[in-house]
């Protein structure tokens, strides 16, 4: 039996890629567009060769908190199970940490920040 997808994960980068989702979650993940206020996107060099090979890029976006309501990041909210959140944690390299945020829609979701 499949675990329910009760967790929300806001994604703005490679976790939106079909090949990354299939490898990380074993399925394509449904989701909706949403916006995260108070953050901006920066970029980091990723040295984990598995992540580079899977995503096709050695430079990945990373969120930086600004606290300004004028700053917004557009992305997608994925519906994941607790096990899939754990799988996303394994995919993300040590440059990222997972935190809870409130999106423009009013929903609370996890997101990976730098």
C-alpha atoms as a PDB file:
ATOM      1  CA  UNK A   1       0.000   0.000   0.000  1.00  0.00           C
ATOM      2  CA  UNK A   2       1.300   3.451  -0.926  1.00  0.00           C
ATOM      3  CA  UNK A   3       1.822   5.980   1.853  1.00  0.00           C
ATOM      4  CA  UNK A   4      -0.415   9.089   1.548  1.00  0.00           C
ATOM      5  CA  UNK A   5       1.174  12.237   0.114  1.00  0.00           C
ATOM      6  CA  UNK A   6       0.383  14.616   2.988  1.00  0.00           C
ATOM      7  CA  UNK A   7       3.625  16.623   2.926  1.00  0.00           C
ATOM      8  CA  UNK A   8       4.052  19.729   0.754  1.00  0.00           C
ATOM      9  CA  UNK A   9       7.443  20.608  -0.706  1.00  0.00           C
ATOM     10  CA  UNK A  10       7.992  23.915  -2.527  1.00  0.00           C
ATOM     11  CA  UNK A  11      10.515  23.356  -5.288  1.00  0.00           C
ATOM     12  CA  UNK A  12      12.178  25.940  -7.496  1.00  0.00           C
ATOM     13  CA  UNK A  13      14.948  23.899  -9.126  1.00  0.00           C
ATOM     14  CA  UNK A  14      15.973  20.406 -10.149  1.00  0.00           C
ATOM     15  CA  UNK A  15      13.318  18.545  -8.119  1.00  0.00           C
ATOM     16  CA  UNK A  16      10.904  19.750 -10.814  1.00  0.00           C
ATOM     17  CA  UNK A  17      12.761  17.689 -13.469  1.00  0.00           C
ATOM     18  CA  UNK A  18      11.018  14.454 -14.486  1.00  0.00           C
ATOM     19  CA  UNK A  19      14.250  12.426 -14.436  1.00  0.00           C
ATOM     20  CA  UNK A  20      15.124  13.692 -10.939  1.00  0.00           C
ATOM     21  CA  UNK A  21      11.616  12.902  -9.646  1.00  0.00           C
ATOM     22  CA  UNK A  22      11.652   9.403 -11.137  1.00  0.00           C
ATOM     23  CA  UNK A  23      15.053   8.646  -9.607  1.00  0.00           C
ATOM     24  CA  UNK A  24      14.311  10.276  -6.232  1.00  0.00           C
ATOM     25  CA  UNK A  25      10.646   9.337  -5.713  1.00  0.00           C
ATOM     26  CA  UNK A  26      10.097   6.508  -8.195  1.00  0.00           C
ATOM     27  CA  UNK A  27       7.242   8.456  -9.789  1.00  0.00           C
ATOM     28  CA  UNK A  28       6.303  11.752 -11.366  1.00  0.00           C
ATOM     29  CA  UNK A  29       4.864  14.026  -8.680  1.00  0.00           C
ATOM     30  CA  UNK A  30       1.743  16.143  -9.015  1.00  0.00           C
ATOM     31  CA  UNK A  31       1.916  19.758  -7.969  1.00  0.00           C
ATOM     32  CA  UNK A  32       0.714  23.301  -8.447  1.00  0.00           C
ATOM     33  CA  UNK A  33       2.363  26.627  -9.119  1.00  0.00           C
ATOM     34  CA  UNK A  34       2.914  28.842  -6.068  1.00  0.00           C
ATOM     35  CA  UNK A  35       5.139  31.704  -4.939  1.00  0.00           C
ATOM     36  CA  UNK A  36       7.473  32.051  -1.952  1.00  0.00           C
ATOM     37  CA  UNK A  37       7.764  35.631  -0.637  1.00  0.00           C
ATOM     38  CA  UNK A  38      10.802  37.020   1.188  1.00  0.00           C
ATOM     39  CA  UNK A  39      13.408  35.011  -0.718  1.00  0.00           C
ATOM     40  CA  UNK A  40      15.574  35.366  -3.789  1.00  0.00           C
ATOM     41  CA  UNK A  41      17.493  32.823  -5.880  1.00  0.00           C
ATOM     42  CA  UNK A  42      21.266  32.556  -5.854  1.00  0.00           C
ATOM     43  CA  UNK A  43      23.424  29.813  -7.391  1.00  0.00           C
ATOM     44  CA  UNK A  44      25.904  27.323  -5.943  1.00  0.00           C
ATOM     45  CA  UNK A  45      28.390  24.848  -7.373  1.00  0.00           C
ATOM     46  CA  UNK A  46      27.388  21.259  -6.608  1.00  0.00           C
ATOM     47  CA  UNK A  47      30.256  18.789  -6.325  1.00  0.00           C
ATOM     48  CA  UNK A  48      28.225  15.610  -5.705  1.00  0.00           C
ATOM     49  CA  UNK A  49      28.751  13.772  -9.009  1.00  0.00           C
ATOM     50  CA  UNK A  50      25.567  11.690  -8.652  1.00  0.00           C
ATOM     51  CA  UNK A  51      23.451  14.854  -8.340  1.00  0.00           C
ATOM     52  CA  UNK A  52      25.325  16.509 -11.219  1.00  0.00           C
ATOM     53  CA  UNK A  53      24.815  13.446 -13.448  1.00  0.00           C
ATOM     54  CA  UNK A  54      21.135  13.149 -12.564  1.00  0.00           C
ATOM     55  CA  UNK A  55      20.282  16.844 -12.927  1.00  0.00           C
ATOM     56  CA  UNK A  56      22.631  17.509 -15.833  1.00  0.00           C
ATOM     57  CA  UNK A  57      24.041  20.600 -14.109  1.00  0.00           C
ATOM     58  CA  UNK A  58      26.879  21.380 -11.703  1.00  0.00           C
ATOM     59  CA  UNK A  59      25.405  24.786 -10.818  1.00  0.00           C
ATOM     60  CA  UNK A  60      22.094  24.676  -8.933  1.00  0.00           C
ATOM     61  CA  UNK A  61      19.753  27.380  -7.663  1.00  0.00           C
ATOM     62  CA  UNK A  62      19.573  28.005  -3.918  1.00  0.00           C
ATOM     63  CA  UNK A  63      17.202  30.206  -1.936  1.00  0.00           C
ATOM     64  CA  UNK A  64      18.456  33.072   0.173  1.00  0.00           C
ATOM     65  CA  UNK A  65      16.153  34.729   2.703  1.00  0.00           C
ATOM     66  CA  UNK A  66      15.827  38.492   2.288  1.00  0.00           C
ATOM     67  CA  UNK A  67      12.846  39.195   4.531  1.00  0.00           C
ATOM     68  CA  UNK A  68      11.526  41.636   1.918  1.00  0.00           C
ATOM     69  CA  UNK A  69       7.957  41.075   0.706  1.00  0.00           C
ATOM     70  CA  UNK A  70       9.073  42.511  -2.647  1.00  0.00           C
ATOM     71  CA  UNK A  71      11.324  39.478  -3.230  1.00  0.00           C
ATOM     72  CA  UNK A  72       9.484  36.422  -4.538  1.00  0.00           C
ATOM     73  CA  UNK A  73      10.460  33.044  -5.968  1.00  0.00           C
ATOM     74  CA  UNK A  74       8.131  31.235  -8.376  1.00  0.00           C
ATOM     75  CA  UNK A  75       8.026  27.448  -8.117  1.00  0.00           C
ATOM     76  CA  UNK A  76       5.822  24.385  -7.660  1.00  0.00           C
ATOM     77  CA  UNK A  77       4.345  22.714  -4.616  1.00  0.00           C
ATOM     78  CA  UNK A  78       4.814  18.945  -4.758  1.00  0.00           C
ATOM     79  CA  UNK A  79       2.603  16.528  -2.808  1.00  0.00           C
ATOM     80  CA  UNK A  80       4.885  13.967  -1.127  1.00  0.00           C
ATOM     81  CA  UNK A  81       4.745  11.238   1.483  1.00  0.00           C
ATOM     82  CA  UNK A  82       6.988  11.334   4.567  1.00  0.00           C
ATOM     83  CA  UNK A  83       9.230   8.710   2.929  1.00  0.00           C
ATOM     84  CA  UNK A  84       9.496  10.870  -0.198  1.00  0.00           C
ATOM     85  CA  UNK A  85      10.506  13.868   1.931  1.00  0.00           C
ATOM     86  CA  UNK A  86      13.275  11.654   3.347  1.00  0.00           C
ATOM     87  CA  UNK A  87      14.271  10.741  -0.227  1.00  0.00           C
ATOM     88  CA  UNK A  88      14.402  14.445  -1.149  1.00  0.00           C
ATOM     89  CA  UNK A  89      16.655  15.029   1.877  1.00  0.00           C
ATOM     90  CA  UNK A  90      19.011  12.365   0.519  1.00  0.00           C
ATOM     91  CA  UNK A  91      19.003  13.949  -2.950  1.00  0.00           C
ATOM     92  CA  UNK A  92      19.793  17.462  -1.710  1.00  0.00           C
ATOM     93  CA  UNK A  93      23.476  18.034  -0.974  1.00  0.00           C
ATOM     94  CA  UNK A  94      24.828  19.433   2.287  1.00  0.00           C
ATOM     95  CA  UNK A  95      24.673  22.994   0.887  1.00  0.00           C
ATOM     96  CA  UNK A  96      20.904  22.890   1.526  1.00  0.00           C
ATOM     97  CA  UNK A  97      18.759  22.590   4.638  1.00  0.00           C
ATOM     98  CA  UNK A  98      15.007  21.982   4.794  1.00  0.00           C
ATOM     99  CA  UNK A  99      12.798  24.574   6.538  1.00  0.00           C
ATOM    100  CA  UNK A 100       9.060  25.317   6.789  1.00  0.00           C
ATOM    101  CA  UNK A 101       7.729  28.388   4.986  1.00  0.00           C
ATOM    102  CA  UNK A 102       4.386  30.013   4.236  1.00  0.00           C
ATOM    103  CA  UNK A 103       3.634  30.481   0.547  1.00  0.00           C
ATOM    104  CA  UNK A 104       1.582  33.223  -1.141  1.00  0.00           C
ATOM    105  CA  UNK A 105      -1.309  30.743  -1.292  1.00  0.00           C
ATOM    106  CA  UNK A 106      -1.285  30.586   2.521  1.00  0.00           C
ATOM    107  CA  UNK A 107      -0.146  26.960   2.520  1.00  0.00           C
ATOM    108  CA  UNK A 108       2.744  25.830   4.715  1.00  0.00           C
ATOM    109  CA  UNK A 109       5.386  23.778   2.911  1.00  0.00           C
ATOM    110  CA  UNK A 110       8.907  22.499   3.256  1.00  0.00           C
ATOM    111  CA  UNK A 111      11.606  24.128   1.133  1.00  0.00           C
ATOM    112  CA  UNK A 112      15.369  23.715   0.760  1.00  0.00           C
ATOM    113  CA  UNK A 113      17.382  26.873   1.462  1.00  0.00           C
ATOM    114  CA  UNK A 114      21.079  27.666   1.520  1.00  0.00           C
END
